[in-house]
Amino acid sequence: MSDLVDRVRRQWLDVHPDLDTTGMAVVGRVLRLASLIRRATDDLLVAHDLNRAEFDVLCALRRNEVLNPGQISREMLSSGAAITKRLDRLERLGLVSRTASERDRRVVQVRLTERGTLLIDQLLPEHLEGEKAALAKLDPGQRDELAGLLKVMLETVEGIT
């Protein structure tokens, strides 16, 4: 069965038979999968007036309980200004609270509110079900193998040895 990536590779073969498109067979599919899965997640989040970046902040806080904005920034690989903007919005929505640290009042501690915890505990299982559905045709061994192969590929791209 042919998919979009196969068709694009054939088209490139017609135009440039000398090009090696074998990487496209993997990377093209990974990117297409990411796009389709992201779209489904975005649809879930927009129903709750959230975007992916805000969802990721909520997830980071749920996993860690308390973080300061710098820790969130490192966890999210985002700038401090972007995190501040996200936290301002999440605070307005009543999903996070910011308080000064008892040890150092210059340090702000960010926590989920009860409402934020309830929301992320509702959304995360729905999000994970979408990911699970994408893997439905793979048996557990294939899932493990694919995860391992993608990990090696990611380590290569990230420069991890």
Protein backbone atom coordinates (compact mmCIF):
# COMPACT_ATOMS: atom_id res chain seq x y z
CA MET A 1 0.00 0.00 0.00
CA SER A 2 1.34 3.42 -0.97
CA ASP A 3 1.16 6.49 1.22
CA LEU A 4 1.91 10.18 0.74
CA VAL A 5 5.62 9.68 1.49
CA ASP A 6 5.89 6.93 -1.14
CA ARG A 7 4.19 9.19 -3.70
CA VAL A 8 6.50 12.12 -2.91
CA ARG A 9 9.57 9.87 -3.16
CA ARG A 10 8.40 8.59 -6.56
CA GLN A 11 7.86 12.16 -7.72
CA TRP A 12 11.42 13.07 -6.69
CA LEU A 13 12.70 9.99 -8.45
CA ASP A 14 11.03 11.21 -11.66
CA VAL A 15 12.50 14.71 -11.30
CA HIS A 16 15.90 13.83 -9.79
CA PRO A 17 16.68 10.11 -10.17
CA ASP A 18 20.11 10.76 -8.63
CA LEU A 19 18.68 11.89 -5.24
CA ASP A 20 18.75 9.47 -2.32
CA THR A 21 15.35 9.83 -0.66
CA THR A 22 15.73 6.91 1.76
CA GLY A 23 15.88 9.33 4.71
CA MET A 24 12.54 10.73 3.63
CA ALA A 25 11.02 7.28 4.06
CA VAL A 26 11.63 7.55 7.81
CA VAL A 27 11.90 11.25 8.56
CA GLY A 28 9.00 12.19 6.29
CA ARG A 29 6.77 9.70 8.05
CA VAL A 30 7.93 10.78 11.51
CA LEU A 31 7.16 14.41 10.66
CA ARG A 32 3.80 13.55 9.14
CA LEU A 33 2.87 11.45 12.18
CA ALA A 34 3.92 14.26 14.50
CA SER A 35 1.80 16.73 12.55
CA LEU A 36 -1.30 14.53 12.56
CA ILE A 37 -0.96 13.61 16.25
CA ARG A 38 -0.28 17.25 17.14
CA ARG A 39 -3.43 18.30 15.29
CA ALA A 40 -5.51 15.82 17.30
CA THR A 41 -3.95 17.05 20.56
CA ASP A 42 -4.53 20.67 19.57
CA ASP A 43 -8.20 19.88 18.94
CA LEU A 44 -8.46 18.39 22.44
CA LEU A 45 -6.75 21.41 24.02
CA VAL A 46 -8.63 24.13 22.17
CA ALA A 47 -11.85 22.78 23.67
CA HIS A 48 -10.34 23.76 27.05
CA ASP A 49 -8.96 27.12 25.86
CA LEU A 50 -5.34 25.87 26.00
CA ASN A 51 -2.51 25.57 23.52
CA ARG A 52 0.21 22.92 23.42
CA ALA A 53 2.82 25.08 25.17
CA GLU A 54 0.44 25.77 28.05
CA PHE A 55 -0.46 22.08 28.24
CA ASP A 56 3.25 21.25 28.43
CA VAL A 57 3.71 23.71 31.33
CA LEU A 58 0.79 22.11 33.17
CA CYS A 59 2.28 18.65 32.56
CA ALA A 60 5.70 19.77 33.84
CA LEU A 61 4.10 21.14 37.00
CA ARG A 62 2.03 17.99 37.52
CA ARG A 63 5.16 15.84 37.29
CA ASN A 64 7.23 18.07 39.57
CA GLU A 65 4.66 19.68 41.90
CA VAL A 66 6.62 22.94 42.32
CA LEU A 67 8.96 24.67 39.86
CA ASN A 68 10.32 28.15 39.49
CA PRO A 69 10.06 29.88 36.10
CA GLY A 70 13.72 29.17 35.32
CA GLN A 71 13.20 25.45 35.90
CA ILE A 72 10.10 25.52 33.71
CA SER A 73 12.09 27.33 31.03
CA ARG A 74 14.79 24.63 31.09
CA GLU A 75 12.22 21.84 31.17
CA MET A 76 10.41 23.34 28.18
CA LEU A 77 13.46 24.63 26.27
CA SER A 78 11.75 28.02 26.05
CA SER A 79 12.82 31.56 26.82
CA GLY A 80 12.04 33.13 30.17
CA ALA A 81 9.81 35.71 28.47
CA ALA A 82 7.77 32.98 26.79
CA ILE A 83 7.34 31.14 30.10
CA THR A 84 6.27 34.34 31.86
CA LYS A 85 3.64 34.95 29.20
CA ARG A 86 2.33 31.38 29.52
CA LEU A 87 2.29 31.57 33.31
CA ASP A 88 0.43 34.90 33.22
CA ARG A 89 -2.29 33.34 31.06
CA LEU A 90 -2.48 30.11 33.08
CA GLU A 91 -2.73 32.16 36.28
CA ARG A 92 -5.57 34.24 34.77
CA LEU A 93 -7.33 30.97 33.91
CA GLY A 94 -6.97 29.87 37.54
CA LEU A 95 -4.80 26.86 36.65
CA VAL A 96 -1.53 27.87 38.35
CA SER A 97 -0.48 30.01 41.27
CA ARG A 98 2.77 31.85 41.84
CA THR A 99 4.12 32.58 45.29
CA ALA A 100 7.40 33.87 46.65
CA SER A 101 9.72 31.23 48.09
CA GLU A 102 9.91 31.21 51.88
CA ARG A 103 13.72 30.88 51.72
CA ASP A 104 14.33 33.55 49.09
CA ARG A 105 11.54 36.01 48.32
CA ARG A 106 13.19 36.80 44.95
CA VAL A 107 12.41 33.25 43.79
CA VAL A 108 8.88 32.56 42.57
CA GLN A 109 7.41 29.11 43.03
CA VAL A 110 4.79 27.93 40.56
CA ARG A 111 2.21 25.30 41.45
CA LEU A 112 -0.91 23.91 39.91
CA THR A 113 -4.12 25.03 41.54
CA GLU A 114 -6.71 22.42 42.39
CA ARG A 115 -8.48 23.38 39.16
CA GLY A 116 -5.24 22.98 37.21
CA THR A 117 -4.59 19.56 38.72
CA LEU A 118 -8.11 18.38 37.90
CA LEU A 119 -7.80 19.65 34.33
CA ILE A 120 -4.44 18.04 33.60
CA ASP A 121 -5.59 14.80 35.22
CA GLN A 122 -8.54 14.86 32.80
CA LEU A 123 -6.61 15.90 29.68
CA LEU A 124 -3.50 13.74 29.99
CA PRO A 125 -5.32 10.38 29.78
CA GLU A 126 -7.25 11.65 26.72
CA HIS A 127 -3.98 12.79 25.12
CA LEU A 128 -2.32 9.44 25.88
CA GLU A 129 -5.27 7.57 24.39
CA GLY A 130 -4.69 9.45 21.14
CA GLU A 131 -1.04 8.38 21.14
CA LYS A 132 -2.05 4.81 21.95
CA ALA A 133 -4.51 4.82 19.04
CA ALA A 134 -1.68 5.80 16.69
CA LEU A 135 0.19 2.67 17.79
CA ALA A 136 -2.83 0.34 17.66
CA LYS A 137 -1.61 -1.75 14.71
CA LEU A 138 1.76 -2.47 16.33
CA ASP A 139 2.24 -5.32 18.77
CA PRO A 140 4.14 -4.60 22.03
CA GLY A 141 7.41 -5.90 20.58
CA GLN A 142 7.10 -3.66 17.54
CA ARG A 143 6.34 -0.68 19.79
CA ASP A 144 9.44 -1.37 21.87
CA GLU A 145 11.57 -1.81 18.76
CA LEU A 146 10.26 1.39 17.19
CA ALA A 147 10.81 3.32 20.43
CA GLY A 148 14.39 2.05 20.61
CA LEU A 149 15.13 2.91 17.00
CA LEU A 150 13.66 6.39 17.35
CA LYS A 151 15.69 6.89 20.54
CA VAL A 152 18.90 6.08 18.64
CA MET A 153 17.88 8.45 15.87
CA LEU A 154 17.05 11.22 18.36
CA GLU A 155 20.37 10.74 20.17
CA THR A 156 22.12 11.10 16.82
CA VAL A 157 20.30 14.31 15.96
CA GLU A 158 20.79 15.72 19.48
CA GLY A 159 24.48 14.85 19.37
CA ILE A 160 24.33 12.51 22.34
CA THR A 161 26.91 9.73 22.27
